[in-house]
Protein backbone atom coordinates (compact mmCIF):
# COMPACT_ATOMS: atom_id res chain seq x y z
CA MET A 1 -71.09 -65.00 -5.87
CA ARG A 2 -74.76 -64.23 -5.41
CA ARG A 3 -76.18 -65.78 -2.25
CA LEU A 4 -79.19 -67.98 -2.98
CA LEU A 5 -82.36 -68.16 -0.94
CA ALA A 6 -82.07 -71.89 -0.54
CA ALA A 7 -79.76 -74.66 -1.61
CA LEU A 8 -81.72 -75.33 -4.81
CA ALA A 9 -82.52 -71.70 -5.57
CA SER A 10 -81.55 -70.05 -8.81
CA SER A 11 -81.75 -66.62 -10.40
CA LEU A 12 -84.46 -66.05 -12.93
CA VAL A 13 -83.46 -63.44 -15.48
CA LEU A 14 -86.30 -61.44 -16.98
CA ALA A 15 -85.54 -60.04 -20.41
CA CYS A 16 -86.45 -56.40 -20.86
CA THR A 17 -87.39 -54.73 -24.14
CA PRO A 18 -87.80 -50.99 -24.72
CA VAL A 19 -91.32 -49.63 -24.56
CA ASP A 20 -92.73 -46.15 -24.87
CA VAL A 21 -93.36 -44.52 -21.50
CA THR A 22 -97.02 -44.02 -22.41
CA SER A 23 -97.54 -47.64 -23.38
CA SER A 24 -99.62 -49.88 -21.16
CA THR A 25 -97.46 -52.87 -22.10
CA PRO A 26 -95.50 -54.07 -19.05
CA CYS A 27 -91.78 -53.61 -19.47
CA LEU A 28 -90.81 -56.76 -17.63
CA HIS A 29 -92.63 -59.50 -19.45
CA THR A 30 -91.85 -62.76 -21.15
CA ASP A 31 -94.14 -65.46 -22.50
CA ARG A 32 -91.39 -68.05 -22.78
CA GLU A 33 -89.65 -70.10 -20.15
CA LEU A 34 -87.39 -67.88 -18.13
CA ARG A 35 -83.69 -68.47 -18.58
CA ARG A 36 -82.14 -69.73 -15.34
CA THR A 37 -78.62 -68.99 -14.21
CA LEU A 38 -77.17 -70.88 -11.26
CA GLU A 39 -74.42 -68.37 -10.60
CA GLY A 40 -74.87 -64.63 -10.85
CA HIS A 41 -72.08 -62.10 -11.25
CA PRO A 42 -72.64 -59.35 -8.68
CA GLU A 43 -69.98 -56.70 -8.94
CA THR A 44 -67.21 -56.87 -6.39
CA VAL A 45 -65.34 -53.72 -5.42
CA ASP A 46 -61.60 -53.38 -4.89
CA LEU A 47 -61.16 -50.15 -2.90
CA LEU A 48 -57.72 -48.61 -2.33
CA ILE A 49 -57.45 -45.74 0.15
CA VAL A 50 -54.28 -43.60 -0.11
CA LEU A 51 -53.68 -41.49 3.00
CA ASP A 52 -51.23 -38.68 3.69
CA ASP A 53 -49.39 -39.65 6.89
CA SER A 54 -47.53 -36.32 7.25
CA SER A 55 -49.29 -33.91 9.58
CA LEU A 56 -52.59 -34.27 7.75
CA GLY A 57 -55.02 -31.97 9.46
CA ARG A 58 -58.35 -33.39 10.63
CA ILE A 59 -56.97 -36.94 10.54
CA ASP A 60 -59.42 -38.11 13.21
CA GLU A 61 -62.32 -36.68 11.21
CA VAL A 62 -60.94 -38.33 8.06
CA ASN A 63 -60.77 -41.67 9.85
CA GLY A 64 -64.34 -41.32 11.05
CA ALA A 65 -65.53 -40.47 7.55
CA ILE A 66 -63.69 -43.49 6.10
CA ALA A 67 -65.46 -45.70 8.61
CA ARG A 68 -68.77 -44.16 7.58
CA LEU A 69 -67.98 -44.76 3.89
CA THR A 70 -67.01 -48.40 4.34
CA ARG A 71 -70.03 -49.09 6.54
CA SER A 72 -72.29 -47.63 3.85
CA LEU A 73 -70.76 -49.87 1.19
CA ALA A 74 -70.81 -52.97 3.40
CA THR A 75 -74.36 -52.63 4.66
CA GLY A 76 -76.11 -50.87 1.77
CA ASP A 77 -77.34 -48.28 4.31
CA ARG A 78 -76.45 -45.08 2.48
CA ASP A 79 -77.96 -42.55 4.86
CA GLY A 80 -77.13 -44.19 8.19
CA ASP A 81 -80.75 -44.67 9.20
CA GLY A 82 -80.30 -48.38 9.90
CA ARG A 83 -82.18 -49.46 6.77
CA ARG A 84 -80.63 -50.89 3.61
CA GLU A 85 -81.28 -48.71 0.58
CA VAL A 86 -79.05 -50.68 -1.83
CA PRO A 87 -77.69 -54.22 -1.89
CA ALA A 88 -74.57 -54.96 0.13
CA LEU A 89 -71.69 -56.07 -2.08
CA PRO A 90 -68.47 -58.05 -1.71
CA LEU A 91 -65.58 -55.71 -0.91
CA ARG A 92 -61.80 -55.84 -0.74
CA VAL A 93 -60.17 -52.82 0.90
CA ALA A 94 -56.52 -51.84 1.28
CA VAL A 95 -54.97 -48.76 2.86
CA VAL A 96 -51.59 -47.35 1.84
CA THR A 97 -49.79 -44.12 2.70
CA SER A 98 -48.24 -41.51 0.42
CA HIS A 99 -44.86 -42.17 2.10
CA LEU A 100 -42.37 -43.59 -0.43
CA GLY A 101 -39.24 -42.37 1.33
CA VAL A 102 -36.49 -40.09 -0.01
CA ALA A 103 -33.99 -42.62 -1.39
CA GLY A 104 -31.94 -42.67 1.77
CA HIS A 105 -31.16 -38.94 1.87
CA ASP A 106 -31.28 -36.98 5.10
CA VAL A 107 -34.39 -34.89 4.58
CA PRO A 108 -36.19 -33.09 7.39
CA SER A 109 -39.84 -34.07 7.87
CA CYS A 110 -39.31 -37.49 6.29
CA THR A 111 -38.36 -40.33 8.59
CA ASP A 112 -37.81 -43.87 7.38
CA GLY A 113 -41.00 -45.83 6.92
CA ARG A 114 -41.90 -49.48 7.32
CA PHE A 115 -39.43 -50.33 4.56
CA GLY A 116 -36.62 -47.98 5.47
CA ALA A 117 -35.53 -45.68 2.65
CA LEU A 118 -38.51 -46.89 0.58
CA GLY A 119 -40.89 -45.48 3.15
CA ASP A 120 -44.09 -47.52 3.21
CA ASP A 121 -43.48 -48.52 -0.45
CA GLY A 122 -47.16 -48.57 -1.40
CA VAL A 123 -47.66 -51.79 0.56
CA PRO A 124 -51.15 -52.25 2.08
CA ARG A 125 -51.11 -51.74 5.83
CA SER A 126 -51.92 -54.49 8.29
CA GLY A 127 -53.28 -52.02 10.83
CA ASP A 128 -52.02 -50.56 14.07
CA PRO A 129 -51.38 -53.30 16.67
CA SER A 130 -53.02 -51.07 19.26
CA CYS A 131 -56.38 -51.73 17.62
CA GLY A 132 -55.85 -55.37 16.86
CA GLY A 133 -54.35 -55.08 13.39
CA SER A 134 -55.84 -56.78 10.36
CA SER A 135 -55.00 -58.52 7.14
CA PRO A 136 -53.38 -56.14 4.61
CA VAL A 137 -56.34 -56.79 2.30
CA ILE A 138 -59.55 -56.50 4.30
CA THR A 139 -62.44 -58.46 2.81
CA PHE A 140 -66.18 -58.40 3.30
CA GLU A 141 -68.93 -60.66 2.00
CA PRO A 142 -72.63 -59.88 2.48
CA GLY A 143 -73.62 -61.59 5.68
CA ASP A 144 -70.26 -61.00 7.37
CA ASP A 145 -69.95 -58.93 10.54
CA ALA A 146 -70.08 -55.35 9.20
CA ASP A 147 -68.88 -53.87 12.51
CA ALA A 148 -65.75 -56.03 12.49
CA PHE A 149 -65.06 -55.12 8.87
CA VAL A 150 -65.44 -51.38 9.47
CA GLU A 151 -63.19 -51.56 12.54
CA ALA A 152 -60.52 -53.43 10.57
CA VAL A 153 -60.51 -50.73 7.88
CA ALA A 154 -60.46 -47.98 10.52
CA CYS A 155 -57.55 -49.72 12.21
CA ALA A 156 -55.54 -49.82 8.98
CA ALA A 157 -56.39 -46.16 8.33
CA ARG A 158 -54.82 -44.96 11.59
CA VAL A 159 -51.62 -43.94 9.82
CA GLY A 160 -50.56 -41.19 12.21
CA THR A 161 -49.06 -37.83 11.27
CA SER A 162 -45.29 -38.37 11.56
CA GLY A 163 -44.62 -39.85 8.12
CA CYS A 164 -43.02 -38.07 5.17
CA GLY A 165 -43.54 -34.45 4.08
CA TRP A 166 -42.72 -35.45 0.50
CA GLU A 167 -46.12 -36.86 -0.38
CA GLN A 168 -46.23 -39.18 -3.41
CA PRO A 169 -49.85 -40.42 -3.47
CA LEU A 170 -50.05 -41.03 -7.23
CA GLU A 171 -46.94 -43.20 -7.23
CA ALA A 172 -48.03 -44.99 -4.06
CA ALA A 173 -51.40 -45.81 -5.66
CA LEU A 174 -49.76 -47.04 -8.85
CA LYS A 175 -47.34 -49.30 -7.00
CA ALA A 176 -50.05 -50.74 -4.77
CA LEU A 177 -52.32 -51.49 -7.71
CA MET A 178 -49.92 -52.71 -10.39
CA PRO A 179 -49.81 -56.49 -10.87
CA THR A 180 -46.88 -58.60 -9.85
CA HIS A 181 -44.80 -59.80 -12.78
CA ASP A 182 -46.28 -63.30 -12.60
CA ALA A 183 -49.85 -62.07 -12.81
CA ALA A 184 -48.99 -59.60 -15.56
CA ASP A 185 -47.78 -62.46 -17.75
CA LEU A 186 -51.36 -63.77 -17.78
CA VAL A 187 -53.60 -60.78 -18.30
CA PHE A 188 -51.73 -57.48 -18.51
CA PRO A 189 -51.97 -56.02 -22.03
CA ARG A 190 -48.90 -53.76 -21.89
CA GLY A 191 -45.58 -53.44 -20.14
CA LEU A 192 -45.45 -52.83 -16.41
CA PRO A 193 -44.16 -49.48 -15.16
CA MET A 194 -40.70 -49.50 -13.63
CA PHE A 195 -40.45 -48.52 -9.99
CA ARG A 196 -37.47 -47.31 -8.01
CA GLU A 197 -37.24 -50.76 -6.52
CA GLY A 198 -39.31 -53.90 -6.95
CA ALA A 199 -42.57 -54.50 -8.79
CA GLY A 200 -46.17 -53.64 -8.06
CA HIS A 201 -47.90 -55.22 -5.10
CA GLY A 202 -50.84 -56.61 -7.05
CA PHE A 203 -53.84 -55.33 -5.09
CA ALA A 204 -55.79 -54.86 -8.33
CA GLU A 205 -54.61 -57.97 -10.13
CA TYR A 206 -56.96 -60.81 -10.97
CA ASP A 207 -56.81 -64.09 -12.85
CA ASP A 208 -58.63 -63.44 -16.10
CA PHE A 209 -59.49 -67.11 -16.54
CA ALA A 210 -61.00 -67.51 -13.09
CA VAL A 211 -62.63 -64.06 -12.93
CA PRO A 212 -64.10 -63.13 -16.31
CA TYR A 213 -65.79 -60.12 -14.72
CA PRO A 214 -63.03 -58.27 -12.83
CA PRO A 215 -63.90 -56.32 -9.71
CA LEU A 216 -64.62 -52.64 -10.05
CA LEU A 217 -61.44 -50.83 -9.01
CA ALA A 218 -61.81 -47.65 -6.93
CA ALA A 219 -58.99 -45.52 -5.53
CA VAL A 220 -59.46 -42.63 -3.11
CA ILE A 221 -56.62 -40.17 -2.39
CA VAL A 222 -56.77 -38.04 0.76
CA THR A 223 -54.12 -35.34 1.30
CA ASP A 224 -53.78 -31.64 2.07
CA GLU A 225 -50.70 -31.30 -0.20
CA ASP A 226 -49.91 -31.70 -3.89
CA ASP A 227 -48.42 -34.86 -5.35
CA CYS A 228 -44.62 -34.96 -5.51
CA SER A 229 -44.06 -38.35 -7.16
CA VAL A 230 -40.35 -38.14 -7.92
CA GLU A 231 -38.66 -39.60 -10.98
CA ASP A 232 -35.25 -37.96 -10.41
CA VAL A 233 -34.35 -38.98 -6.86
CA SER A 234 -31.50 -36.44 -6.77
CA LEU A 235 -34.32 -34.02 -5.97
CA PHE A 236 -33.95 -35.38 -2.41
CA ASP A 237 -30.19 -34.76 -2.29
CA PRO A 238 -29.48 -31.59 -0.29
CA ALA A 239 -26.27 -31.05 -2.28
CA ALA A 240 -27.93 -31.32 -5.70
CA TYR A 241 -29.67 -28.58 -7.67
CA ASP A 242 -27.00 -26.07 -6.59
CA GLY A 243 -28.12 -26.49 -3.02
CA GLU A 244 -31.58 -25.02 -3.59
CA PRO A 245 -33.87 -25.40 -0.58
CA LEU A 246 -35.42 -28.83 -0.46
CA GLU A 247 -38.79 -27.35 0.39
CA THR A 248 -39.12 -25.54 -2.95
CA ARG A 249 -37.92 -28.25 -5.31
CA CYS A 250 -41.24 -29.97 -5.99
CA ARG A 251 -42.66 -26.58 -6.89
CA ASP A 252 -39.74 -25.33 -8.98
CA HIS A 253 -38.60 -28.54 -10.72
CA ARG A 254 -41.73 -30.20 -12.03
CA ASP A 255 -39.68 -31.85 -14.77
CA ALA A 256 -38.02 -33.98 -12.06
CA LEU A 257 -41.40 -35.52 -11.22
CA HIS A 258 -43.10 -38.36 -13.05
CA ALA A 259 -45.28 -37.24 -15.94
CA ILE A 260 -49.03 -37.31 -15.27
CA ALA A 261 -49.38 -39.66 -18.24
CA ARG A 262 -47.68 -42.36 -16.14
CA TYR A 263 -50.81 -42.53 -13.97
CA VAL A 264 -53.34 -42.43 -16.81
CA GLU A 265 -52.60 -44.26 -20.06
CA GLY A 266 -48.94 -44.87 -19.19
CA GLU A 267 -45.86 -43.91 -21.17
CA HIS A 268 -42.82 -45.44 -22.88
CA GLY A 269 -44.75 -48.63 -23.67
CA GLU A 270 -45.70 -49.05 -20.02
CA SER A 271 -49.26 -48.99 -18.77
CA GLY A 272 -50.93 -46.68 -16.28
CA LEU A 273 -54.18 -47.04 -14.38
CA LEU A 274 -56.13 -47.51 -17.60
CA GLY A 275 -54.30 -50.78 -18.16
CA LEU A 276 -55.64 -52.28 -14.95
CA ARG A 277 -59.09 -52.97 -16.37
CA TRP A 278 -60.43 -53.70 -19.84
CA GLN A 279 -62.93 -50.84 -19.77
CA PRO A 280 -62.38 -47.28 -18.44
CA ASP A 281 -65.66 -47.39 -16.52
CA ASP A 282 -64.38 -50.37 -14.54
CA LEU A 283 -62.29 -47.77 -12.69
CA PHE A 284 -63.36 -45.05 -10.26
CA ILE A 285 -60.77 -42.51 -9.07
CA ALA A 286 -61.55 -39.99 -6.33
CA ALA A 287 -59.63 -37.32 -4.45
CA LEU A 288 -60.33 -35.43 -1.23
CA VAL A 289 -57.72 -32.69 -1.52
CA GLY A 290 -57.12 -28.96 -1.12
CA ALA A 291 -59.37 -27.79 -3.94
CA PRO A 292 -60.78 -24.31 -3.27
CA LEU A 293 -64.38 -24.68 -2.18
CA ASP A 294 -65.67 -22.02 -4.56
CA ALA A 295 -63.89 -23.75 -7.47
CA LEU A 296 -66.16 -26.75 -6.98
CA GLU A 297 -69.47 -24.88 -6.99
CA PRO A 298 -72.20 -25.52 -7.91
CA ASP A 299 -71.95 -29.26 -8.50
CA ALA A 300 -68.50 -29.98 -7.09
CA GLY A 301 -67.05 -31.73 -10.07
CA GLY A 302 -66.67 -32.13 -13.78
CA ASP A 303 -65.03 -28.84 -14.75
CA TYR A 304 -61.42 -29.71 -14.00
CA ASP A 305 -60.14 -27.01 -16.35
CA GLY A 306 -62.04 -24.48 -14.27
CA VAL A 307 -60.59 -25.84 -11.04
CA LEU A 308 -57.05 -25.73 -12.44
CA ALA A 309 -57.54 -22.15 -13.64
CA HIS A 310 -58.72 -20.95 -10.21
CA GLU A 311 -56.43 -18.28 -8.78
CA ARG A 312 -55.78 -20.23 -5.58
CA MET A 313 -54.75 -23.33 -7.55
CA GLN A 314 -51.65 -21.57 -8.88
CA LEU A 315 -48.19 -22.28 -7.42
CA VAL A 316 -47.48 -18.80 -6.12
CA PRO A 317 -44.71 -18.40 -3.51
CA ASP A 318 -46.04 -17.27 -0.14
CA PRO A 319 -44.40 -13.89 0.60
CA THR A 320 -44.55 -14.61 4.33
CA GLN A 321 -43.01 -18.10 3.93
CA PRO A 322 -41.04 -18.28 0.64
CA SER A 323 -40.37 -22.00 1.12
CA ARG A 324 -44.02 -22.80 0.46
CA VAL A 325 -46.77 -21.74 -1.94
CA LEU A 326 -49.87 -19.81 -1.00
CA PRO A 327 -52.55 -22.08 0.48
CA SER A 328 -55.41 -23.11 -1.77
CA CYS A 329 -57.95 -23.37 1.03
CA SER A 330 -58.33 -23.63 4.77
CA GLY A 331 -60.90 -25.07 7.09
CA PRO A 332 -61.40 -26.32 10.65
CA GLY A 333 -57.98 -27.54 11.77
CA ILE A 334 -56.46 -27.57 8.29
CA THR A 335 -54.52 -25.49 5.77
CA ALA A 336 -54.17 -27.10 2.35
CA PHE A 337 -52.10 -26.37 -0.73
CA PRO A 338 -52.87 -26.48 -4.48
CA PRO A 339 -53.25 -30.13 -5.55
CA ARG A 340 -52.47 -29.36 -9.20
CA ARG A 341 -50.96 -32.70 -10.20
CA ILE A 342 -53.77 -34.69 -8.59
CA VAL A 343 -56.43 -32.61 -10.35
CA GLU A 344 -54.48 -32.86 -13.63
CA ALA A 345 -54.56 -36.65 -13.26
CA LEU A 346 -58.33 -36.57 -12.60
CA ASP A 347 -58.77 -34.34 -15.63
CA ASP A 348 -56.88 -36.71 -17.93
CA LEU A 349 -58.67 -39.76 -16.50
CA ASP A 350 -62.00 -38.02 -17.00
CA ASP A 351 -61.04 -37.33 -20.63
CA ALA A 352 -60.34 -41.07 -20.97
CA ARG A 353 -63.93 -41.79 -19.75
CA VAL A 354 -62.89 -42.97 -16.29
CA PRO A 355 -65.47 -41.96 -13.64
CA THR A 356 -63.80 -39.47 -11.29
CA PHE A 357 -64.74 -37.55 -8.16
CA LEU A 358 -63.29 -34.44 -6.48
CA ARG A 359 -64.08 -32.80 -3.15
CA SER A 360 -62.28 -30.34 -0.91
CA ILE A 361 -60.66 -31.39 2.34
CA CYS A 362 -61.33 -27.84 3.56
CA ALA A 363 -65.10 -28.32 3.69
CA PRO A 364 -66.60 -27.34 7.07
CA ASP A 365 -67.75 -30.92 7.61
CA LEU A 366 -66.15 -33.90 5.86
CA GLU A 367 -69.03 -36.31 6.37
CA PRO A 368 -71.12 -34.88 3.49
CA SER A 369 -68.11 -35.22 1.18
CA PHE A 370 -67.65 -38.88 2.07
CA ASP A 371 -71.41 -39.44 1.86
CA ALA A 372 -71.32 -37.97 -1.64
CA LEU A 373 -68.36 -40.22 -2.44
CA GLY A 374 -70.29 -43.24 -1.22
CA GLU A 375 -73.27 -42.16 -3.31
CA ALA A 376 -71.15 -41.69 -6.44
CA LEU A 377 -69.33 -44.97 -5.95
CA GLY A 378 -72.54 -46.79 -5.10
CA ASN A 379 -74.23 -45.41 -8.20
CA ARG A 380 -71.27 -46.49 -10.30
CA ILE A 381 -71.50 -49.99 -8.84
CA LEU A 382 -75.23 -50.45 -9.05
CA GLY A 383 -76.21 -48.10 -11.84
CA ALA A 384 -78.94 -45.54 -11.57
CA ARG A 385 -81.67 -46.49 -9.15
CA CYS A 386 -84.98 -46.92 -10.90
CA GLN A 387 -87.20 -43.94 -10.39
CA TYR A 388 -90.37 -46.01 -10.65
CA GLY A 389 -91.76 -48.44 -8.14
CA ILE A 390 -90.63 -51.72 -9.60
CA THR A 391 -90.39 -53.03 -6.05
CA SER A 392 -94.18 -52.78 -5.81
CA GLY A 393 -96.68 -54.24 -8.21
CA CYS A 394 -94.40 -56.91 -9.67
CA VAL A 395 -96.04 -60.31 -10.16
CA VAL A 396 -94.33 -63.65 -10.73
CA GLU A 397 -96.52 -66.47 -12.03
CA GLU A 398 -95.67 -70.14 -12.14
CA SER A 399 -97.28 -72.60 -14.55
CA LEU A 400 -97.01 -75.98 -12.83
CA PRO A 401 -96.59 -79.34 -14.55
CA GLU A 402 -99.84 -81.21 -15.08
CA GLY A 403 -101.03 -82.98 -11.95
CA MET A 404 -99.41 -80.51 -9.52
CA THR A 405 -101.54 -78.01 -7.59
CA CYS A 406 -100.76 -74.58 -6.17
CA ASP A 407 -102.40 -75.48 -2.86
CA ALA A 408 -99.91 -78.30 -2.34
CA LEU A 409 -96.94 -75.94 -2.47
CA PRO A 410 -96.08 -73.22 0.07
CA GLY A 411 -96.01 -69.58 -1.00
CA ARG A 412 -98.40 -70.11 -3.95
CA THR A 413 -101.92 -68.85 -4.69
CA ARG A 414 -103.87 -70.34 -7.61
CA ARG A 415 -104.84 -67.79 -10.26
CA THR A 416 -106.16 -69.84 -13.18
CA ILE A 417 -105.82 -73.05 -15.20
CA GLU A 418 -104.32 -72.95 -18.68
CA ASP A 419 -104.03 -76.04 -20.91
CA GLY A 420 -104.59 -78.27 -17.90
CA ARG A 421 -101.79 -76.66 -15.89
CA GLN A 422 -102.47 -74.69 -12.73
CA VAL A 423 -101.01 -71.16 -12.76
CA CYS A 424 -99.92 -69.93 -9.34
CA GLU A 425 -98.98 -66.47 -8.19
CA LEU A 426 -95.84 -66.70 -6.07
CA ALA A 427 -95.66 -64.77 -2.84
CA ARG A 428 -93.04 -62.05 -2.68
CA VAL A 429 -90.77 -62.49 0.36
CA PRO A 430 -87.92 -60.43 1.83
CA TYR A 431 -84.59 -61.06 0.13
CA GLY A 432 -82.52 -63.51 2.15
CA SER A 433 -85.45 -64.65 4.32
CA GLY A 434 -85.42 -68.22 3.02
CA GLU A 435 -89.22 -68.22 2.92
CA PRO A 436 -90.99 -69.88 -0.04
CA GLY A 437 -91.68 -67.38 -2.80
CA TRP A 438 -89.65 -64.93 -4.84
CA ALA A 439 -87.43 -62.05 -3.77
CA LEU A 440 -86.30 -59.08 -5.81
CA VAL A 441 -82.54 -59.17 -5.40
CA ASP A 442 -82.00 -55.60 -6.50
CA ALA A 443 -84.21 -52.83 -7.78
CA PHE A 444 -81.55 -51.02 -9.76
CA CYS A 445 -80.88 -50.47 -13.43
CA PRO A 446 -77.20 -51.01 -14.20
CA PRO A 447 -76.13 -49.00 -17.25
CA GLY A 448 -76.06 -51.24 -20.29
CA ALA A 449 -77.83 -54.10 -18.52
CA SER A 450 -81.12 -55.65 -19.59
CA THR A 451 -82.10 -57.78 -16.64
CA ILE A 452 -83.21 -57.86 -13.08
CA HIS A 453 -82.80 -61.01 -11.05
CA LEU A 454 -85.59 -62.78 -9.21
CA GLU A 455 -84.60 -65.58 -6.88
CA LEU A 456 -86.78 -68.52 -5.94
CA ALA A 457 -86.66 -72.29 -5.64
CA PRO A 458 -87.97 -73.40 -9.05
CA VAL A 459 -90.16 -76.43 -9.58
CA PRO A 460 -88.76 -78.84 -12.20
CA GLY A 461 -90.86 -78.64 -15.33
CA ALA A 462 -92.60 -75.41 -14.33
CA TYR A 463 -92.73 -72.28 -16.47
CA TYR A 464 -92.43 -68.76 -15.09
CA GLU A 465 -93.56 -65.32 -16.15
CA GLY A 466 -92.74 -62.03 -14.45
CA THR A 467 -94.44 -58.68 -15.02
CA CYS A 468 -93.96 -55.26 -13.45
CA PRO A 469 -96.14 -52.20 -14.09
CA HIS A 470 -93.41 -49.66 -14.82
CA THR A 471 -90.47 -49.18 -17.12
CA LEU A 472 -86.97 -49.68 -15.77
CA GLY A 473 -85.19 -46.73 -17.32
CA PRO A 474 -83.85 -44.23 -14.74
CA ASP A 475 -85.43 -41.49 -16.87
CA GLY A 476 -88.70 -43.42 -17.01
CA GLY A 477 -88.43 -43.76 -20.78
CA THR A 478 -86.93 -47.08 -21.80
CA CYS A 479 -85.53 -50.29 -20.52
CA PHE A 480 -81.93 -51.20 -21.18
CA GLU A 481 -81.32 -53.61 -24.04
């Protein structure tokens, strides 16, 4: 819920109509009483981080980059210079691992997890006790202690490197996010996917009656391997498949894995990630995986067909180690392998109009990748930042009831008298300062939106008019209807 400047403050919504860029008519202008809303609907973000806990190279660097990402989202300081470039937003963060166990079989490189043969079961982590632990769902509200929030996320993200070599990040994400059966009865439009055991853990669920605007749902997968989300658990049985080496089965028996459709639109009457929100652009799915660096040039995203066609994205047996495929990329402290299934999922989600994001875990420095992720996610949350200076030159005028004077009220300067009513110009004050006047809550243009919000303590019976000298469109051309 939007924080108000004072107990009686409200948001004033200024309607915006398209104007030609060459017109001198102010874009933000109304000659009628401004509509007041007592409760705004700032977007909240549900962020799921899926980490590979099996010998993931550069894990310390990954943890540091995750801390940087969450600090950026919590503080609105995108570039780390100590200044807020964008509004801070409410956040809910959960961390899960790609460890879903091997159905009780004796498989090298896969020890039991927190839930025995189910591995970590896609359950959000409470954090390592050595760093104080945390709630499985870590929450932040603007005004909370950002340092404590970032440390709690970092604590949960310390997953170690001794988990399971059979990484199943897509299935772990689906199980973490899918609603519980009780919640699904209220709002879920299709059947729930069946899991090997139990139901989803409900991180992304919400009560449609209490939350008419569901949180934006973002999921970030970090691994140096491909996804091996298993449907046929006999793939784990050393005696099955004529005793073929366990290490080659994910590569050679793709039909034993869950179909990619399970994680997109769903299959067999069951829903995938698309069923978690009413609109595709209420989702944001990202992956930091072993994509070849040159496959992502020049803009590091968008052409998933091109990435999948890259020669190092093919599952070619390594002649020096036949039990594995040739690496897709390497970098400081890491050798990664073709993440074909993860990129296929991004490709299908992208086709379904879900915003997606792909970077390589082999990049020389991971911080720029996470900074770009924060930028992409932040832009998705807030919309394109206005390219024109609507934060300067805006004027809010107040037409007082007859008998009241501007001089008698703080933060007002008299401009004129119209029809016996004094018209005051309100002082602009820093957002959250509590000083008398108005504050621009955000200077961003959310796609499809037609308003900005000005917050002040209104005078009963007064009328308000707001004008700004520039258009709001990110291209400088039009406002959003």
